[in-house]
């Protein structure tokens, strides 16, 4: 019979943050695919788990995925673990999952620690809607495009960042998003865990004076719907009213209906639109 892939969440710092189900599964599977076997062996040794390991990381993720698929097809059960947290979240596990789906392999996920969710719950910011961006790209053009896309983001934004890149990232965020609330979570679940509620400008000033240490999760307040609407109204107001009307009328929309749409875009009444059109 064909085997199965188990996505096993491991601790992001505190070794007690691992479920009994994950421990049992790591002992029972035939093979553990680990992002860094040198790192994961410490976890396995701590819990006296003797299951063989193989490496599965960013640089072998495609070729190795097909090798793992063949092993599962032959009847082996395989557990996937990342360096810390839940596999498939900002790591090569997502490629293995995709290839397994394409190959008809059964997959199950064993929930547990996840840095982005842990930080979100600690942040004090809105948690119903959020946008997870993980680490911003290092490529300048791609990075700039992502940052620009966040300008109008109304959801809470979550980013990961290393200490040696934190100041640069905070400066870029301030330049693009302007000043807004942010919670910086450092060394989550570890001995020196800190949760720093601040603003982008205050955080930038603080870490210019004090060198950042440890891994960070940044949780940033999204733009409010009111601010977004004001900005959209402002953008529409930058073009002449008749030109705005023409954009709708050229789509075959009747003038009366176009006036309603223009009024909504600009945040004014239909009567005001009508009066301005008469005066122009």
C-alpha atoms as a PDB file:
ATOM      1  CA  UNK A   1       0.000   0.000   0.000  1.00  0.00           C
ATOM      2  CA  UNK A   2       1.005   3.590  -0.647  1.00  0.00           C
ATOM      3  CA  UNK A   3       2.358   5.570   2.280  1.00  0.00           C
ATOM      4  CA  UNK A   4       1.495   9.050   3.507  1.00  0.00           C
ATOM      5  CA  UNK A   5       3.133  12.454   4.042  1.00  0.00           C
ATOM      6  CA  UNK A   6       2.828  13.977   7.528  1.00  0.00           C
ATOM      7  CA  UNK A   7       3.482  17.711   7.965  1.00  0.00           C
ATOM      8  CA  UNK A   8       4.728  17.949  11.554  1.00  0.00           C
ATOM      9  CA  UNK A   9       4.916  21.278  13.358  1.00  0.00           C
ATOM     10  CA  UNK A  10       7.932  21.582  15.651  1.00  0.00           C
ATOM     11  CA  UNK A  11       8.769  24.174  18.346  1.00  0.00           C
ATOM     12  CA  UNK A  12       9.848  27.702  17.355  1.00  0.00           C
ATOM     13  CA  UNK A  13      11.948  27.962  20.499  1.00  0.00           C
ATOM     14  CA  UNK A  14      10.560  26.278  23.583  1.00  0.00           C
ATOM     15  CA  UNK A  15      10.882  22.499  23.205  1.00  0.00           C
ATOM     16  CA  UNK A  16       7.737  21.954  25.263  1.00  0.00           C
ATOM     17  CA  UNK A  17       5.692  23.384  22.385  1.00  0.00           C
ATOM     18  CA  UNK A  18       5.382  20.086  20.549  1.00  0.00           C
ATOM     19  CA  UNK A  19       2.276  17.923  20.527  1.00  0.00           C
ATOM     20  CA  UNK A  20       2.035  14.323  21.684  1.00  0.00           C
ATOM     21  CA  UNK A  21       0.684  13.453  18.234  1.00  0.00           C
ATOM     22  CA  UNK A  22       3.759  14.889  16.506  1.00  0.00           C
ATOM     23  CA  UNK A  23       6.095  13.002  18.842  1.00  0.00           C
ATOM     24  CA  UNK A  24       4.258   9.742  18.199  1.00  0.00           C
ATOM     25  CA  UNK A  25       4.273  10.320  14.450  1.00  0.00           C
ATOM     26  CA  UNK A  26       7.997  11.139  14.345  1.00  0.00           C
ATOM     27  CA  UNK A  27       8.665   7.835  16.105  1.00  0.00           C
ATOM     28  CA  UNK A  28       6.356   5.786  13.880  1.00  0.00           C
ATOM     29  CA  UNK A  29       7.162   7.032  10.370  1.00  0.00           C
ATOM     30  CA  UNK A  30       9.819   5.355   8.224  1.00  0.00           C
ATOM     31  CA  UNK A  31      11.693   8.570   7.416  1.00  0.00           C
ATOM     32  CA  UNK A  32      11.872  12.211   8.521  1.00  0.00           C
ATOM     33  CA  UNK A  33      12.595  14.841   5.866  1.00  0.00           C
ATOM     34  CA  UNK A  34      14.204  17.797   7.654  1.00  0.00           C
ATOM     35  CA  UNK A  35      15.160  21.255   6.410  1.00  0.00           C
ATOM     36  CA  UNK A  36      18.448  21.070   8.340  1.00  0.00           C
ATOM     37  CA  UNK A  37      19.336  17.656   9.753  1.00  0.00           C
ATOM     38  CA  UNK A  38      22.059  19.187  11.940  1.00  0.00           C
ATOM     39  CA  UNK A  39      19.490  21.363  13.637  1.00  0.00           C
ATOM     40  CA  UNK A  40      16.726  18.761  13.797  1.00  0.00           C
ATOM     41  CA  UNK A  41      18.939  16.070  15.333  1.00  0.00           C
ATOM     42  CA  UNK A  42      18.980  18.159  18.535  1.00  0.00           C
ATOM     43  CA  UNK A  43      15.194  17.961  18.702  1.00  0.00           C
ATOM     44  CA  UNK A  44      15.135  14.236  17.967  1.00  0.00           C
ATOM     45  CA  UNK A  45      17.855  13.513  20.525  1.00  0.00           C
ATOM     46  CA  UNK A  46      16.013  15.528  23.168  1.00  0.00           C
ATOM     47  CA  UNK A  47      12.922  13.346  22.737  1.00  0.00           C
ATOM     48  CA  UNK A  48      14.951  10.148  22.116  1.00  0.00           C
ATOM     49  CA  UNK A  49      13.580   9.652  18.607  1.00  0.00           C
ATOM     50  CA  UNK A  50      15.717   7.314  16.470  1.00  0.00           C
ATOM     51  CA  UNK A  51      13.891   7.577  13.122  1.00  0.00           C
ATOM     52  CA  UNK A  52      16.265   8.065  10.139  1.00  0.00           C
ATOM     53  CA  UNK A  53      16.452  11.556   8.613  1.00  0.00           C
ATOM     54  CA  UNK A  54      17.104  12.929   5.154  1.00  0.00           C
ATOM     55  CA  UNK A  55      17.629  16.541   4.107  1.00  0.00           C
ATOM     56  CA  UNK A  56      14.946  18.476   2.271  1.00  0.00           C
ATOM     57  CA  UNK A  57      15.777  22.149   1.788  1.00  0.00           C
ATOM     58  CA  UNK A  58      15.597  25.129  -0.576  1.00  0.00           C
ATOM     59  CA  UNK A  59      18.439  23.905  -2.800  1.00  0.00           C
ATOM     60  CA  UNK A  60      17.180  20.371  -3.437  1.00  0.00           C
ATOM     61  CA  UNK A  61      13.436  20.902  -2.980  1.00  0.00           C
ATOM     62  CA  UNK A  62      12.265  19.851  -6.460  1.00  0.00           C
ATOM     63  CA  UNK A  63      14.484  16.856  -7.233  1.00  0.00           C
ATOM     64  CA  UNK A  64      14.260  15.601  -3.662  1.00  0.00           C
ATOM     65  CA  UNK A  65      10.483  16.020  -3.643  1.00  0.00           C
ATOM     66  CA  UNK A  66      10.138  13.513  -6.495  1.00  0.00           C
ATOM     67  CA  UNK A  67      12.478  11.115  -4.669  1.00  0.00           C
ATOM     68  CA  UNK A  68      10.325  11.365  -1.551  1.00  0.00           C
ATOM     69  CA  UNK A  69       7.179  10.818  -3.625  1.00  0.00           C
ATOM     70  CA  UNK A  70       8.637   7.554  -4.952  1.00  0.00           C
ATOM     71  CA  UNK A  71       9.422   6.414  -1.419  1.00  0.00           C
ATOM     72  CA  UNK A  72       5.839   7.151  -0.338  1.00  0.00           C
ATOM     73  CA  UNK A  73       4.498   5.313  -3.385  1.00  0.00           C
ATOM     74  CA  UNK A  74       6.561   2.304  -2.365  1.00  0.00           C
ATOM     75  CA  UNK A  75       4.774   2.241   1.003  1.00  0.00           C
ATOM     76  CA  UNK A  76       6.912   4.444   3.244  1.00  0.00           C
ATOM     77  CA  UNK A  77       5.380   7.009   5.587  1.00  0.00           C
ATOM     78  CA  UNK A  78       7.368  10.250   5.697  1.00  0.00           C
ATOM     79  CA  UNK A  79       7.245  13.154   8.158  1.00  0.00           C
ATOM     80  CA  UNK A  80       8.282  16.614   7.003  1.00  0.00           C
ATOM     81  CA  UNK A  81       9.709  19.041   9.569  1.00  0.00           C
ATOM     82  CA  UNK A  82      11.157  22.499   9.189  1.00  0.00           C
ATOM     83  CA  UNK A  83      13.859  24.192  11.268  1.00  0.00           C
ATOM     84  CA  UNK A  84      11.126  25.654  13.467  1.00  0.00           C
ATOM     85  CA  UNK A  85       7.368  25.929  13.252  1.00  0.00           C
ATOM     86  CA  UNK A  86       4.905  24.585  10.717  1.00  0.00           C
ATOM     87  CA  UNK A  87       6.176  23.094   7.418  1.00  0.00           C
ATOM     88  CA  UNK A  88       4.918  24.855   4.316  1.00  0.00           C
ATOM     89  CA  UNK A  89       4.884  28.308   5.918  1.00  0.00           C
ATOM     90  CA  UNK A  90       7.675  30.342   4.320  1.00  0.00           C
ATOM     91  CA  UNK A  91       9.795  27.266   3.592  1.00  0.00           C
ATOM     92  CA  UNK A  92      10.278  24.698   0.775  1.00  0.00           C
ATOM     93  CA  UNK A  93       7.621  22.413   2.235  1.00  0.00           C
ATOM     94  CA  UNK A  94       5.005  24.089   0.051  1.00  0.00           C
ATOM     95  CA  UNK A  95       6.691  22.627  -3.054  1.00  0.00           C
ATOM     96  CA  UNK A  96       6.682  19.107  -1.631  1.00  0.00           C
ATOM     97  CA  UNK A  97       2.992  19.431  -0.752  1.00  0.00           C
ATOM     98  CA  UNK A  98       2.153  20.645  -4.254  1.00  0.00           C
ATOM     99  CA  UNK A  99       4.073  17.812  -5.907  1.00  0.00           C
ATOM    100  CA  UNK A 100       2.459  15.256  -3.592  1.00  0.00           C
ATOM    101  CA  UNK A 101      -0.997  16.543  -4.521  1.00  0.00           C
ATOM    102  CA  UNK A 102      -0.101  16.296  -8.207  1.00  0.00           C
ATOM    103  CA  UNK A 103       1.150  12.752  -7.639  1.00  0.00           C
ATOM    104  CA  UNK A 104      -1.938  11.572  -5.770  1.00  0.00           C
ATOM    105  CA  UNK A 105      -0.124  11.217  -2.434  1.00  0.00           C
ATOM    106  CA  UNK A 106      -2.192  11.463   0.752  1.00  0.00           C
ATOM    107  CA  UNK A 107      -1.123  14.320   3.046  1.00  0.00           C
ATOM    108  CA  UNK A 108      -2.092  15.312   6.555  1.00  0.00           C
ATOM    109  CA  UNK A 109      -0.964  18.258   8.671  1.00  0.00           C
ATOM    110  CA  UNK A 110      -0.281  17.962  12.398  1.00  0.00           C
ATOM    111  CA  UNK A 111      -0.811  21.467  13.815  1.00  0.00           C
ATOM    112  CA  UNK A 112       1.441  23.177  16.298  1.00  0.00           C
ATOM    113  CA  UNK A 113       3.710  26.183  16.721  1.00  0.00           C
ATOM    114  CA  UNK A 114       3.727  28.892  14.050  1.00  0.00           C
ATOM    115  CA  UNK A 115       5.621  32.167  14.566  1.00  0.00           C
ATOM    116  CA  UNK A 116       3.324  34.392  12.494  1.00  0.00           C
ATOM    117  CA  UNK A 117       0.175  33.302  14.364  1.00  0.00           C
ATOM    118  CA  UNK A 118       1.906  33.476  17.745  1.00  0.00           C
ATOM    119  CA  UNK A 119       3.011  37.056  17.016  1.00  0.00           C
ATOM    120  CA  UNK A 120      -0.402  38.077  15.707  1.00  0.00           C
ATOM    121  CA  UNK A 121      -2.129  36.910  18.882  1.00  0.00           C
ATOM    122  CA  UNK A 122       0.392  38.864  20.988  1.00  0.00           C
ATOM    123  CA  UNK A 123       0.310  42.037  18.903  1.00  0.00           C
ATOM    124  CA  UNK A 124      -2.849  43.694  20.181  1.00  0.00           C
ATOM    125  CA  UNK A 125      -3.685  44.565  16.567  1.00  0.00           C
ATOM    126  CA  UNK A 126      -6.701  43.430  14.560  1.00  0.00           C
ATOM    127  CA  UNK A 127      -6.501  39.683  13.982  1.00  0.00           C
ATOM    128  CA  UNK A 128      -9.644  38.879  11.967  1.00  0.00           C
ATOM    129  CA  UNK A 129      -7.964  39.745   8.659  1.00  0.00           C
ATOM    130  CA  UNK A 130      -4.225  39.632   8.077  1.00  0.00           C
ATOM    131  CA  UNK A 131      -1.712  39.519   5.225  1.00  0.00           C
ATOM    132  CA  UNK A 132       1.362  37.336   5.781  1.00  0.00           C
ATOM    133  CA  UNK A 133       4.375  38.367   3.688  1.00  0.00           C
ATOM    134  CA  UNK A 134       7.103  36.332   5.481  1.00  0.00           C
ATOM    135  CA  UNK A 135      10.562  37.712   4.568  1.00  0.00           C
ATOM    136  CA  UNK A 136      10.520  40.552   2.039  1.00  0.00           C
ATOM    137  CA  UNK A 137      12.386  39.648  -1.181  1.00  0.00           C
ATOM    138  CA  UNK A 138      16.032  40.713  -1.402  1.00  0.00           C
ATOM    139  CA  UNK A 139      15.728  41.598  -5.085  1.00  0.00           C
ATOM    140  CA  UNK A 140      15.295  45.403  -5.202  1.00  0.00           C
ATOM    141  CA  UNK A 141      12.579  45.534  -7.863  1.00  0.00           C
ATOM    142  CA  UNK A 142      10.555  42.711  -6.375  1.00  0.00           C
ATOM    143  CA  UNK A 143      10.965  44.155  -2.874  1.00  0.00           C
ATOM    144  CA  UNK A 144       9.842  47.591  -4.039  1.00  0.00           C
ATOM    145  CA  UNK A 145       6.790  46.107  -5.770  1.00  0.00           C
ATOM    146  CA  UNK A 146       5.755  44.218  -2.617  1.00  0.00           C
ATOM    147  CA  UNK A 147       6.190  47.300  -0.427  1.00  0.00           C
ATOM    148  CA  UNK A 148       4.145  49.414  -2.845  1.00  0.00           C
ATOM    149  CA  UNK A 149       1.386  46.810  -2.804  1.00  0.00           C
ATOM    150  CA  UNK A 150       1.199  47.150   0.994  1.00  0.00           C
ATOM    151  CA  UNK A 151       0.419  50.894   0.850  1.00  0.00           C
ATOM    152  CA  UNK A 152      -3.313  50.281   0.483  1.00  0.00           C
ATOM    153  CA  UNK A 153      -3.429  47.036   2.494  1.00  0.00           C
ATOM    154  CA  UNK A 154      -6.264  47.228   5.021  1.00  0.00           C
ATOM    155  CA  UNK A 155      -5.433  43.918   6.703  1.00  0.00           C
ATOM    156  CA  UNK A 156      -2.895  43.579   9.517  1.00  0.00           C
ATOM    157  CA  UNK A 157       0.511  42.906   7.910  1.00  0.00           C
ATOM    158  CA  UNK A 158       2.927  40.264   9.246  1.00  0.00           C
ATOM    159  CA  UNK A 159       6.602  40.106   8.230  1.00  0.00           C
ATOM    160  CA  UNK A 160       9.609  38.091   9.346  1.00  0.00           C
ATOM    161  CA  UNK A 161      13.014  39.753   9.653  1.00  0.00           C
ATOM    162  CA  UNK A 162      16.550  38.902  10.759  1.00  0.00           C
ATOM    163  CA  UNK A 163      18.275  41.278  13.221  1.00  0.00           C
ATOM    164  CA  UNK A 164      20.935  42.476  10.741  1.00  0.00           C
ATOM    165  CA  UNK A 165      18.262  43.578   8.251  1.00  0.00           C
ATOM    166  CA  UNK A 166      15.767  45.028  10.740  1.00  0.00           C
ATOM    167  CA  UNK A 167      16.799  48.707  10.583  1.00  0.00           C
ATOM    168  CA  UNK A 168      16.749  48.791   6.793  1.00  0.00           C
ATOM    169  CA  UNK A 169      13.331  47.132   6.694  1.00  0.00           C
ATOM    170  CA  UNK A 170      11.858  49.472   9.320  1.00  0.00           C
ATOM    171  CA  UNK A 171      13.131  52.474   7.350  1.00  0.00           C
ATOM    172  CA  UNK A 172      11.627  51.173   4.112  1.00  0.00           C
ATOM    173  CA  UNK A 173       8.312  50.433   5.818  1.00  0.00           C
ATOM    174  CA  UNK A 174       8.229  53.938   7.293  1.00  0.00           C
ATOM    175  CA  UNK A 175       9.039  55.502   3.920  1.00  0.00           C
ATOM    176  CA  UNK A 176       6.253  53.591   2.158  1.00  0.00           C
ATOM    177  CA  UNK A 177       3.561  53.141   4.829  1.00  0.00           C
ATOM    178  CA  UNK A 178       4.276  56.322   6.799  1.00  0.00           C
ATOM    179  CA  UNK A 179       3.913  56.209  10.574  1.00  0.00           C
ATOM    180  CA  UNK A 180       1.504  53.644  12.001  1.00  0.00           C
ATOM    181  CA  UNK A 181       1.286  51.177  14.922  1.00  0.00           C
ATOM    182  CA  UNK A 182       3.593  48.158  14.897  1.00  0.00           C
ATOM    183  CA  UNK A 183       4.296  45.337  17.327  1.00  0.00           C
ATOM    184  CA  UNK A 184       7.751  43.772  17.163  1.00  0.00           C
ATOM    185  CA  UNK A 185       7.941  40.257  18.593  1.00  0.00           C
ATOM    186  CA  UNK A 186      11.448  38.967  19.267  1.00  0.00           C
ATOM    187  CA  UNK A 187      12.678  35.485  20.184  1.00  0.00           C
ATOM    188  CA  UNK A 188       9.156  34.090  20.505  1.00  0.00           C
ATOM    189  CA  UNK A 189       8.690  31.346  23.156  1.00  0.00           C
ATOM    190  CA  UNK A 190      12.376  31.609  24.130  1.00  0.00           C
ATOM    191  CA  UNK A 191      13.970  32.850  27.344  1.00  0.00           C
ATOM    192  CA  UNK A 192      14.405  36.433  26.132  1.00  0.00           C
ATOM    193  CA  UNK A 193      11.056  36.790  24.374  1.00  0.00           C
ATOM    194  CA  UNK A 194       9.995  40.431  24.060  1.00  0.00           C
ATOM    195  CA  UNK A 195       6.851  42.046  22.671  1.00  0.00           C
ATOM    196  CA  UNK A 196       7.387  45.714  21.803  1.00  0.00           C
ATOM    197  CA  UNK A 197       4.246  47.709  20.921  1.00  0.00           C
ATOM    198  CA  UNK A 198       5.218  50.917  19.204  1.00  0.00           C
ATOM    199  CA  UNK A 199       4.953  52.921  15.982  1.00  0.00           C
ATOM    200  CA  UNK A 200       7.209  52.627  12.961  1.00  0.00           C
ATOM    201  CA  UNK A 201       8.955  55.912  13.768  1.00  0.00           C
ATOM    202  CA  UNK A 202       9.473  55.022  17.435  1.00  0.00           C
ATOM    203  CA  UNK A 203      10.717  51.519  16.603  1.00  0.00           C
ATOM    204  CA  UNK A 204      13.138  52.937  14.051  1.00  0.00           C
ATOM    205  CA  UNK A 205      14.488  55.418  16.576  1.00  0.00           C
ATOM    206  CA  UNK A 206      14.766  52.745  19.294  1.00  0.00           C
ATOM    207  CA  UNK A 207      16.750  50.281  17.177  1.00  0.00           C
ATOM    208  CA  UNK A 208      19.029  53.025  15.862  1.00  0.00           C
ATOM    209  CA  UNK A 209      20.140  53.412  19.484  1.00  0.00           C
ATOM    210  CA  UNK A 210      20.057  49.734  20.444  1.00  0.00           C
ATOM    211  CA  UNK A 211      21.369  46.994  18.155  1.00  0.00           C
ATOM    212  CA  UNK A 212      18.643  44.447  17.271  1.00  0.00           C
ATOM    213  CA  UNK A 213      19.199  40.903  18.517  1.00  0.00           C
ATOM    214  CA  UNK A 214      17.280  37.716  17.777  1.00  0.00           C
ATOM    215  CA  UNK A 215      14.717  36.824  15.133  1.00  0.00           C
ATOM    216  CA  UNK A 216      11.824  39.247  14.687  1.00  0.00           C
ATOM    217  CA  UNK A 217       8.194  39.056  13.630  1.00  0.00           C
ATOM    218  CA  UNK A 218       6.756  42.454  12.671  1.00  0.00           C
ATOM    219  CA  UNK A 219       2.999  42.947  13.001  1.00  0.00           C
ATOM    220  CA  UNK A 220       1.880  46.209  11.384  1.00  0.00           C
ATOM    221  CA  UNK A 221      -1.523  47.865  11.438  1.00  0.00           C
ATOM    222  CA  UNK A 222      -3.214  48.015   8.062  1.00  0.00           C
ATOM    223  CA  UNK A 223      -4.698  51.168   6.586  1.00  0.00           C
ATOM    224  CA  UNK A 224      -8.204  51.838   7.889  1.00  0.00           C
ATOM    225  CA  UNK A 225     -11.101  51.655   5.454  1.00  0.00           C
ATOM    226  CA  UNK A 226     -11.781  55.341   6.121  1.00  0.00           C
ATOM    227  CA  UNK A 227      -8.198  56.277   5.212  1.00  0.00           C
ATOM    228  CA  UNK A 228      -8.391  54.096   2.126  1.00  0.00           C
ATOM    229  CA  UNK A 229     -11.617  55.742   0.972  1.00  0.00           C
ATOM    230  CA  UNK A 230     -10.173  59.210   1.573  1.00  0.00           C
ATOM    231  CA  UNK A 231      -7.124  58.324  -0.490  1.00  0.00           C
ATOM    232  CA  UNK A 232      -9.246  56.899  -3.284  1.00  0.00           C
ATOM    233  CA  UNK A 233     -11.463  60.012  -3.289  1.00  0.00           C
ATOM    234  CA  UNK A 234      -8.322  62.157  -3.452  1.00  0.00           C
ATOM    235  CA  UNK A 235      -7.027  60.199  -6.454  1.00  0.00           C
ATOM    236  CA  UNK A 236     -10.317  60.658  -8.326  1.00  0.00           C
ATOM    237  CA  UNK A 237     -10.383  64.357  -7.515  1.00  0.00           C
ATOM    238  CA  UNK A 238      -7.066  64.761  -9.327  1.00  0.00           C
ATOM    239  CA  UNK A 239      -8.783  64.281 -12.716  1.00  0.00           C
ATOM    240  CA  UNK A 240     -11.409  66.633 -14.255  1.00  0.00           C
ATOM    241  CA  UNK A 241     -15.030  65.719 -13.576  1.00  0.00           C
ATOM    242  CA  UNK A 242     -15.939  65.373 -17.257  1.00  0.00           C
ATOM    243  CA  UNK A 243     -12.987  63.034 -17.804  1.00  0.00           C
ATOM    244  CA  UNK A 244     -14.152  60.973 -14.840  1.00  0.00           C
ATOM    245  CA  UNK A 245     -17.670  60.834 -16.321  1.00  0.00           C
ATOM    246  CA  UNK A 246     -16.257  59.842 -19.711  1.00  0.00           C
ATOM    247  CA  UNK A 247     -14.524  56.801 -18.219  1.00  0.00           C
ATOM    248  CA  UNK A 248     -17.958  55.360 -17.374  1.00  0.00           C
ATOM    249  CA  UNK A 249     -19.880  56.655 -20.370  1.00  0.00           C
ATOM    250  CA  UNK A 250     -17.299  55.154 -22.733  1.00  0.00           C
ATOM    251  CA  UNK A 251     -18.224  51.784 -21.233  1.00  0.00           C
ATOM    252  CA  UNK A 252     -21.817  52.301 -22.385  1.00  0.00           C
ATOM    253  CA  UNK A 253     -23.102  53.377 -18.977  1.00  0.00           C
ATOM    254  CA  UNK A 254     -25.983  55.880 -19.091  1.00  0.00           C
ATOM    255  CA  UNK A 255     -25.136  59.428 -17.987  1.00  0.00           C
ATOM    256  CA  UNK A 256     -27.460  59.328 -14.963  1.00  0.00           C
ATOM    257  CA  UNK A 257     -25.891  56.069 -13.732  1.00  0.00           C
ATOM    258  CA  UNK A 258     -22.407  57.409 -14.484  1.00  0.00           C
ATOM    259  CA  UNK A 259     -23.142  60.384 -12.254  1.00  0.00           C
ATOM    260  CA  UNK A 260     -24.010  58.025  -9.391  1.00  0.00           C
ATOM    261  CA  UNK A 261     -20.745  56.131  -9.841  1.00  0.00           C
ATOM    262  CA  UNK A 262     -18.700  59.335 -10.028  1.00  0.00           C
ATOM    263  CA  UNK A 263     -20.385  60.639  -6.875  1.00  0.00           C
ATOM    264  CA  UNK A 264     -19.485  57.413  -5.045  1.00  0.00           C
ATOM    265  CA  UNK A 265     -15.872  57.511  -6.282  1.00  0.00           C
ATOM    266  CA  UNK A 266     -15.412  61.089  -5.087  1.00  0.00           C
ATOM    267  CA  UNK A 267     -17.330  60.748  -1.848  1.00  0.00           C
ATOM    268  CA  UNK A 268     -19.847  63.452  -2.754  1.00  0.00           C
ATOM    269  CA  UNK A 269     -23.560  63.536  -3.573  1.00  0.00           C
ATOM    270  CA  UNK A 270     -25.031  63.061  -7.032  1.00  0.00           C
ATOM    271  CA  UNK A 271     -26.463  66.581  -6.716  1.00  0.00           C
ATOM    272  CA  UNK A 272     -22.955  67.998  -6.266  1.00  0.00           C
ATOM    273  CA  UNK A 273     -21.768  66.152  -9.372  1.00  0.00           C
ATOM    274  CA  UNK A 274     -24.690  67.541 -11.357  1.00  0.00           C
ATOM    275  CA  UNK A 275     -24.023  71.112 -10.119  1.00  0.00           C
ATOM    276  CA  UNK A 276     -20.322  70.922 -10.962  1.00  0.00           C
ATOM    277  CA  UNK A 277     -21.018  69.573 -14.435  1.00  0.00           C
ATOM    278  CA  UNK A 278     -23.386  72.492 -15.098  1.00  0.00           C
ATOM    279  CA  UNK A 279     -20.793  75.000 -13.938  1.00  0.00           C
ATOM    280  CA  UNK A 280     -17.983  73.597 -16.080  1.00  0.00           C
END
